[in-house]
Amino acid sequence: MNIAAMLKMTLAMAIFGSIGFFTVNTGIPAEELVFIRCICATLILGGLWFFSGSYKEEKWSRKEVVQTIICGVFLVLNWVFLFKAFDEMSISVAISIYNLAPIFVLILGSLFLKEKMTVTSILAVIICFLGSVLIIGMEQFTSLSALFNSGFVWAMLSAICYAMTMFVGKGITQLSAYALTFIQTTVGIVMLLPFMSFGVFHGLTGWNWFYILGTGLIHTGFVYYLFFDSLRSLPTIIVSALVFMDPVVAILLDILILDFRPTMLQSLGIVLIFGGIIYTLVKPSKTATD
């Protein structure tokens, strides 16, 4: 086991878990915040890619570039929808729904790649759906207006877009992680520029700028550097496990700093969602080793 890589991945996921706390303190809308993220990621990761000389080793193909651009569209939408969800609901609830992405990947695989849904997969989908209902609350499903105002739709859209990013990106094998992210965040800048309202940056406090730049430089540039630097040195099962540091930190910060107090049903919903996802990830590994 590469201990250094494991520590880097753990730190990356722990830092990323605080993004919701930073987001709600920036004082700017989701679109403008994602725009800042894209600029920071493009500059930092693009610089690392260029100055390391690894750009010279890239193997370009039209198919993979097109796939990467499509991934970029879904990645940016995923960020925008997630930040909008943070504005409407507690970070714990939003991040729990957001982490349903692997379940959506399973569903997409069965619909478009003809991958067979096993009993395990179907059970995980049902468990996660029940968890979603409990964590939002049955009363939110009684009317469309209540459902939209709860932030549930934004959180669900963010999970679907994240799943689409993973699903479309499955076939990208030649491009490096740096090239992949550089293209995706450049797509984000181009996508969001026409929608920018730069007036939202006027009158911000020093703390607002601290959280804005922290989201761009730390949560995007630095975290992605740690993530990519450690990713290829770790087994998939370890990466899958460490990814859960993100929601754990997010939920702890929400409870300890932002005073979120989940009800018994919400707590059960969180347990069901992450239980279903973990079951999906661990069960195939056990079967493969038997």
Protein backbone atom coordinates (compact mmCIF):
# COMPACT_ATOMS: atom_id res chain seq x y z
CA MET A 1 0.00 0.00 0.00
CA ASN A 2 1.29 3.46 -0.96
CA ILE A 3 0.82 5.29 2.37
CA ALA A 4 1.74 8.72 0.95
CA ALA A 5 -0.86 8.37 -1.83
CA MET A 6 -3.45 7.18 0.69
CA LEU A 7 -2.81 10.20 2.94
CA LYS A 8 -3.09 12.57 -0.05
CA MET A 9 -6.39 11.03 -1.12
CA THR A 10 -7.73 11.16 2.46
CA LEU A 11 -6.74 14.84 2.78
CA ALA A 12 -8.29 15.64 -0.61
CA MET A 13 -11.62 14.06 0.32
CA ALA A 14 -11.63 15.62 3.80
CA ILE A 15 -11.02 19.11 2.36
CA PHE A 16 -13.63 18.60 -0.34
CA GLY A 17 -16.11 17.67 2.38
CA SER A 18 -16.00 21.28 3.60
CA ILE A 19 -17.05 22.75 0.23
CA GLY A 20 -20.68 23.09 1.31
CA PHE A 21 -19.65 25.12 4.37
CA PHE A 22 -17.53 27.39 2.15
CA THR A 23 -20.27 27.70 -0.50
CA VAL A 24 -22.95 29.02 1.87
CA ASN A 25 -20.55 31.71 3.10
CA THR A 26 -19.43 33.08 -0.29
CA GLY A 27 -22.37 35.44 -0.69
CA ILE A 28 -22.62 34.88 -4.47
CA PRO A 29 -24.94 32.73 -6.65
CA ALA A 30 -24.02 29.22 -7.79
CA GLU A 31 -23.26 30.18 -11.42
CA GLU A 32 -20.70 32.83 -10.49
CA LEU A 33 -19.08 30.57 -7.89
CA VAL A 34 -18.69 27.71 -10.40
CA PHE A 35 -17.24 30.20 -12.89
CA ILE A 36 -14.54 31.11 -10.33
CA ARG A 37 -13.90 27.40 -9.72
CA CYS A 38 -13.43 26.76 -13.42
CA ILE A 39 -10.97 29.65 -13.79
CA CYS A 40 -8.91 28.51 -10.78
CA ALA A 41 -8.86 24.87 -11.88
CA THR A 42 -7.94 25.78 -15.46
CA LEU A 43 -5.05 27.99 -14.34
CA ILE A 44 -3.66 25.73 -11.59
CA LEU A 45 -4.06 22.31 -13.20
CA GLY A 46 -3.26 23.69 -16.66
CA GLY A 47 -0.05 25.16 -15.22
CA LEU A 48 0.93 21.87 -13.59
CA TRP A 49 0.15 20.01 -16.80
CA PHE A 50 2.26 22.41 -18.85
CA PHE A 51 5.27 22.95 -16.56
CA SER A 52 5.57 19.24 -15.72
CA GLY A 53 5.93 18.59 -19.45
CA SER A 54 3.31 15.84 -19.33
CA TYR A 55 1.31 17.61 -22.06
CA LYS A 56 3.97 16.39 -24.51
CA GLU A 57 3.02 12.77 -23.76
CA GLU A 58 -0.71 13.16 -24.44
CA LYS A 59 -2.35 10.82 -26.94
CA TRP A 60 -5.10 12.84 -28.61
CA SER A 61 -8.08 11.39 -30.40
CA ARG A 62 -11.14 13.20 -31.72
CA LYS A 63 -13.51 10.73 -30.05
CA GLU A 64 -11.99 11.20 -26.57
CA VAL A 65 -11.87 15.00 -26.91
CA VAL A 66 -15.58 15.06 -27.84
CA GLN A 67 -16.37 12.75 -24.90
CA THR A 68 -14.36 15.00 -22.59
CA ILE A 69 -16.22 18.11 -23.76
CA ILE A 70 -19.57 16.38 -23.10
CA CYS A 71 -18.25 15.34 -19.67
CA GLY A 72 -17.29 18.97 -19.06
CA VAL A 73 -20.85 20.14 -19.73
CA PHE A 74 -22.26 17.64 -17.22
CA LEU A 75 -19.50 18.35 -14.66
CA VAL A 76 -20.25 22.10 -14.68
CA LEU A 77 -24.01 21.54 -14.47
CA ASN A 78 -23.38 19.13 -11.59
CA TRP A 79 -21.47 21.84 -9.67
CA VAL A 80 -24.10 24.53 -10.38
CA PHE A 81 -27.01 22.30 -9.29
CA LEU A 82 -25.17 21.14 -6.14
CA PHE A 83 -24.43 24.72 -5.05
CA LYS A 84 -28.06 25.68 -5.72
CA ALA A 85 -29.12 22.75 -3.52
CA PHE A 86 -26.87 24.05 -0.71
CA ASP A 87 -28.80 27.35 -0.89
CA GLU A 88 -32.16 25.62 -0.47
CA MET A 89 -31.53 22.79 2.02
CA SER A 90 -29.09 21.61 4.66
CA ILE A 91 -25.66 20.50 3.43
CA SER A 92 -26.18 17.03 4.96
CA VAL A 93 -29.37 16.40 3.00
CA ALA A 94 -27.95 17.81 -0.26
CA ILE A 95 -24.69 15.86 -0.03
CA SER A 96 -26.54 12.61 0.78
CA ILE A 97 -28.71 12.93 -2.33
CA TYR A 98 -25.68 14.02 -4.41
CA ASN A 99 -23.89 10.81 -3.48
CA LEU A 100 -26.63 8.79 -5.16
CA ALA A 101 -24.62 9.24 -8.38
CA PRO A 102 -23.18 5.65 -8.39
CA ILE A 103 -26.74 4.31 -8.23
CA PHE A 104 -27.68 6.38 -11.29
CA VAL A 105 -24.60 5.04 -13.10
CA LEU A 106 -25.93 1.52 -12.46
CA ILE A 107 -29.32 2.48 -13.90
CA LEU A 108 -27.74 4.19 -16.95
CA GLY A 109 -25.59 1.11 -17.56
CA SER A 110 -28.64 -1.15 -17.58
CA LEU A 111 -30.59 1.19 -19.90
CA PHE A 112 -27.93 2.09 -22.48
CA LEU A 113 -25.17 -0.52 -22.19
CA LYS A 114 -27.48 -3.48 -21.64
CA GLU A 115 -25.67 -4.27 -18.39
CA LYS A 116 -27.76 -6.71 -16.38
CA MET A 117 -29.21 -5.34 -13.15
CA THR A 118 -28.48 -7.91 -10.44
CA VAL A 119 -30.68 -8.50 -7.39
CA THR A 120 -27.99 -6.62 -5.40
CA SER A 121 -28.27 -3.59 -7.69
CA ILE A 122 -32.08 -3.53 -7.61
CA LEU A 123 -32.05 -3.84 -3.81
CA ALA A 124 -29.54 -0.97 -3.54
CA VAL A 125 -31.71 1.27 -5.76
CA ILE A 126 -34.80 0.55 -3.63
CA ILE A 127 -32.89 1.19 -0.37
CA CYS A 128 -31.48 4.49 -1.68
CA PHE A 129 -34.91 5.60 -2.94
CA LEU A 130 -36.44 4.96 0.48
CA GLY A 131 -33.55 6.83 2.06
CA SER A 132 -34.20 9.82 -0.22
CA VAL A 133 -37.89 9.90 0.73
CA LEU A 134 -37.04 9.79 4.45
CA ILE A 135 -34.30 12.40 4.31
CA ILE A 136 -36.48 14.93 2.44
CA GLY A 137 -39.66 14.13 4.36
CA MET A 138 -42.93 12.75 3.03
CA GLU A 139 -44.60 16.18 3.34
CA GLN A 140 -42.32 17.54 0.57
CA PHE A 141 -43.77 15.03 -1.90
CA THR A 142 -47.39 16.14 -1.40
CA SER A 143 -47.16 18.99 -3.94
CA LEU A 144 -44.88 20.02 -6.78
CA SER A 145 -44.28 23.49 -5.31
CA ALA A 146 -43.15 22.03 -1.97
CA LEU A 147 -40.86 19.60 -3.78
CA PHE A 148 -39.25 22.34 -5.90
CA ASN A 149 -38.83 24.71 -2.95
CA SER A 150 -37.17 22.02 -0.84
CA GLY A 151 -34.04 21.95 -3.02
CA PHE A 152 -34.62 18.25 -3.69
CA VAL A 153 -34.79 18.78 -7.47
CA TRP A 154 -31.45 20.68 -7.53
CA ALA A 155 -29.75 17.97 -5.44
CA MET A 156 -31.19 15.20 -7.62
CA LEU A 157 -30.16 17.00 -10.82
CA SER A 158 -26.63 17.39 -9.44
CA ALA A 159 -26.47 13.64 -8.74
CA ILE A 160 -27.78 12.81 -12.23
CA CYS A 161 -25.25 15.15 -13.90
CA TYR A 162 -22.43 13.70 -11.79
CA ALA A 163 -23.54 10.21 -12.85
CA MET A 164 -23.57 11.33 -16.50
CA THR A 165 -20.02 12.69 -16.07
CA MET A 166 -18.86 9.28 -14.81
CA PHE A 167 -20.92 7.38 -17.39
CA VAL A 168 -19.72 9.35 -20.45
CA GLY A 169 -16.17 9.40 -19.11
CA LYS A 170 -15.96 5.61 -18.85
CA GLY A 171 -14.53 5.25 -22.35
CA ILE A 172 -11.80 7.88 -21.92
CA THR A 173 -8.54 5.97 -21.43
CA GLN A 174 -5.83 7.82 -23.38
CA LEU A 175 -6.02 11.38 -22.05
CA SER A 176 -4.31 12.13 -18.73
CA ALA A 177 -6.32 13.34 -15.73
CA TYR A 178 -4.78 16.81 -16.12
CA ALA A 179 -5.76 17.08 -19.80
CA LEU A 180 -9.23 15.79 -18.96
CA THR A 181 -9.84 18.39 -16.24
CA PHE A 182 -8.23 21.23 -18.21
CA ILE A 183 -10.62 20.64 -21.12
CA GLN A 184 -13.64 20.24 -18.83
CA THR A 185 -13.04 23.42 -16.82
CA THR A 186 -12.29 25.40 -19.99
CA VAL A 187 -15.67 24.21 -21.28
CA GLY A 188 -17.14 25.51 -18.00
CA ILE A 189 -15.67 28.99 -18.52
CA VAL A 190 -17.09 29.18 -22.05
CA MET A 191 -20.48 27.80 -20.93
CA LEU A 192 -20.97 30.14 -17.98
CA LEU A 193 -19.46 33.39 -19.31
CA PRO A 194 -22.67 34.54 -21.11
CA PHE A 195 -24.65 34.09 -17.87
CA MET A 196 -22.29 35.96 -15.57
CA SER A 197 -23.54 38.90 -13.53
CA PHE A 198 -20.32 40.50 -12.35
CA GLY A 199 -22.28 42.96 -10.24
CA VAL A 200 -22.68 40.23 -7.58
CA PHE A 201 -19.00 40.67 -6.70
CA HIS A 202 -19.52 44.30 -5.61
CA GLY A 203 -19.87 44.96 -1.89
CA LEU A 204 -18.55 41.59 -0.76
CA THR A 205 -16.74 41.39 2.57
CA GLY A 206 -13.20 40.13 3.11
CA TRP A 207 -14.63 36.90 4.52
CA ASN A 208 -16.79 36.45 1.41
CA TRP A 209 -13.66 36.69 -0.74
CA PHE A 210 -11.85 34.28 1.59
CA TYR A 211 -14.56 31.65 1.02
CA ILE A 212 -14.79 32.39 -2.72
CA LEU A 213 -11.04 32.07 -3.30
CA GLY A 214 -10.89 29.11 -0.91
CA THR A 215 -13.51 27.32 -3.01
CA GLY A 216 -11.56 28.03 -6.20
CA LEU A 217 -7.95 27.61 -5.09
CA ILE A 218 -8.24 25.01 -2.32
CA HIS A 219 -11.34 22.95 -3.14
CA THR A 220 -10.70 22.93 -6.87
CA GLY A 221 -7.03 23.50 -7.68
CA PHE A 222 -5.29 22.00 -4.63
CA VAL A 223 -7.79 19.19 -3.99
CA TYR A 224 -7.80 18.07 -7.62
CA TYR A 225 -4.00 18.08 -7.63
CA LEU A 226 -3.93 15.82 -4.53
CA PHE A 227 -6.67 13.62 -5.98
CA PHE A 228 -5.01 13.07 -9.37
CA ASP A 229 -1.54 12.75 -7.85
CA SER A 230 -2.68 9.86 -5.66
CA LEU A 231 -5.41 8.26 -7.79
CA ARG A 232 -3.22 6.01 -9.94
CA SER A 233 -1.19 4.75 -6.98
CA LEU A 234 -4.18 3.29 -5.13
CA PRO A 235 -6.42 0.24 -5.73
CA THR A 236 -10.00 1.02 -6.81
CA ILE A 237 -11.48 -0.42 -3.60
CA ILE A 238 -9.37 1.93 -1.46
CA VAL A 239 -10.36 4.94 -3.57
CA SER A 240 -14.03 3.92 -3.32
CA ALA A 241 -13.76 3.74 0.48
CA LEU A 242 -11.85 7.02 0.91
CA VAL A 243 -14.38 8.90 -1.26
CA PHE A 244 -16.78 8.56 1.68
CA MET A 245 -14.57 10.93 3.68
CA ASP A 246 -16.23 13.71 1.65
CA PRO A 247 -19.85 13.23 2.87
CA VAL A 248 -18.75 12.31 6.41
CA VAL A 249 -16.84 15.60 6.81
CA ALA A 250 -19.69 17.54 5.15
CA ILE A 251 -22.29 16.11 7.52
CA LEU A 252 -20.08 16.61 10.61
CA LEU A 253 -19.43 20.28 9.70
CA ASP A 254 -23.14 20.79 9.07
CA ILE A 255 -23.97 19.42 12.52
CA LEU A 256 -21.09 20.94 14.51
CA ILE A 257 -20.78 24.39 12.89
CA LEU A 258 -24.07 25.10 11.08
CA ASP A 259 -26.22 23.52 13.82
CA PHE A 260 -28.06 21.08 11.56
CA ARG A 261 -30.08 18.66 13.71
CA PRO A 262 -31.39 15.70 11.70
CA THR A 263 -34.63 14.10 12.81
CA MET A 264 -34.75 10.37 13.47
CA LEU A 265 -36.24 9.77 10.03
CA GLN A 266 -33.60 11.94 8.32
CA SER A 267 -30.85 10.08 10.17
CA LEU A 268 -32.36 6.78 9.02
CA GLY A 269 -32.54 8.17 5.47
CA ILE A 270 -28.83 9.10 5.52
CA VAL A 271 -27.95 5.62 6.80
CA LEU A 272 -30.09 3.95 4.11
CA ILE A 273 -28.57 6.02 1.27
CA PHE A 274 -24.95 5.39 2.23
CA GLY A 275 -25.71 1.81 3.25
CA GLY A 276 -27.15 1.14 -0.22
CA ILE A 277 -24.17 2.74 -1.96
CA ILE A 278 -21.59 0.91 0.19
CA TYR A 279 -23.45 -2.38 -0.37
CA THR A 280 -23.27 -1.79 -4.13
CA LEU A 281 -19.52 -1.12 -3.99
CA VAL A 282 -18.52 -3.89 -1.56
CA LYS A 283 -20.74 -6.76 -2.71
CA PRO A 284 -19.18 -7.16 -6.20
CA SER A 285 -15.67 -7.09 -4.65
CA LYS A 286 -16.58 -9.90 -2.27
CA THR A 287 -18.06 -11.91 -5.11
CA ALA A 288 -14.94 -11.41 -7.22
CA THR A 289 -12.67 -12.71 -4.46
CA ASP A 290 -14.76 -15.80 -3.66
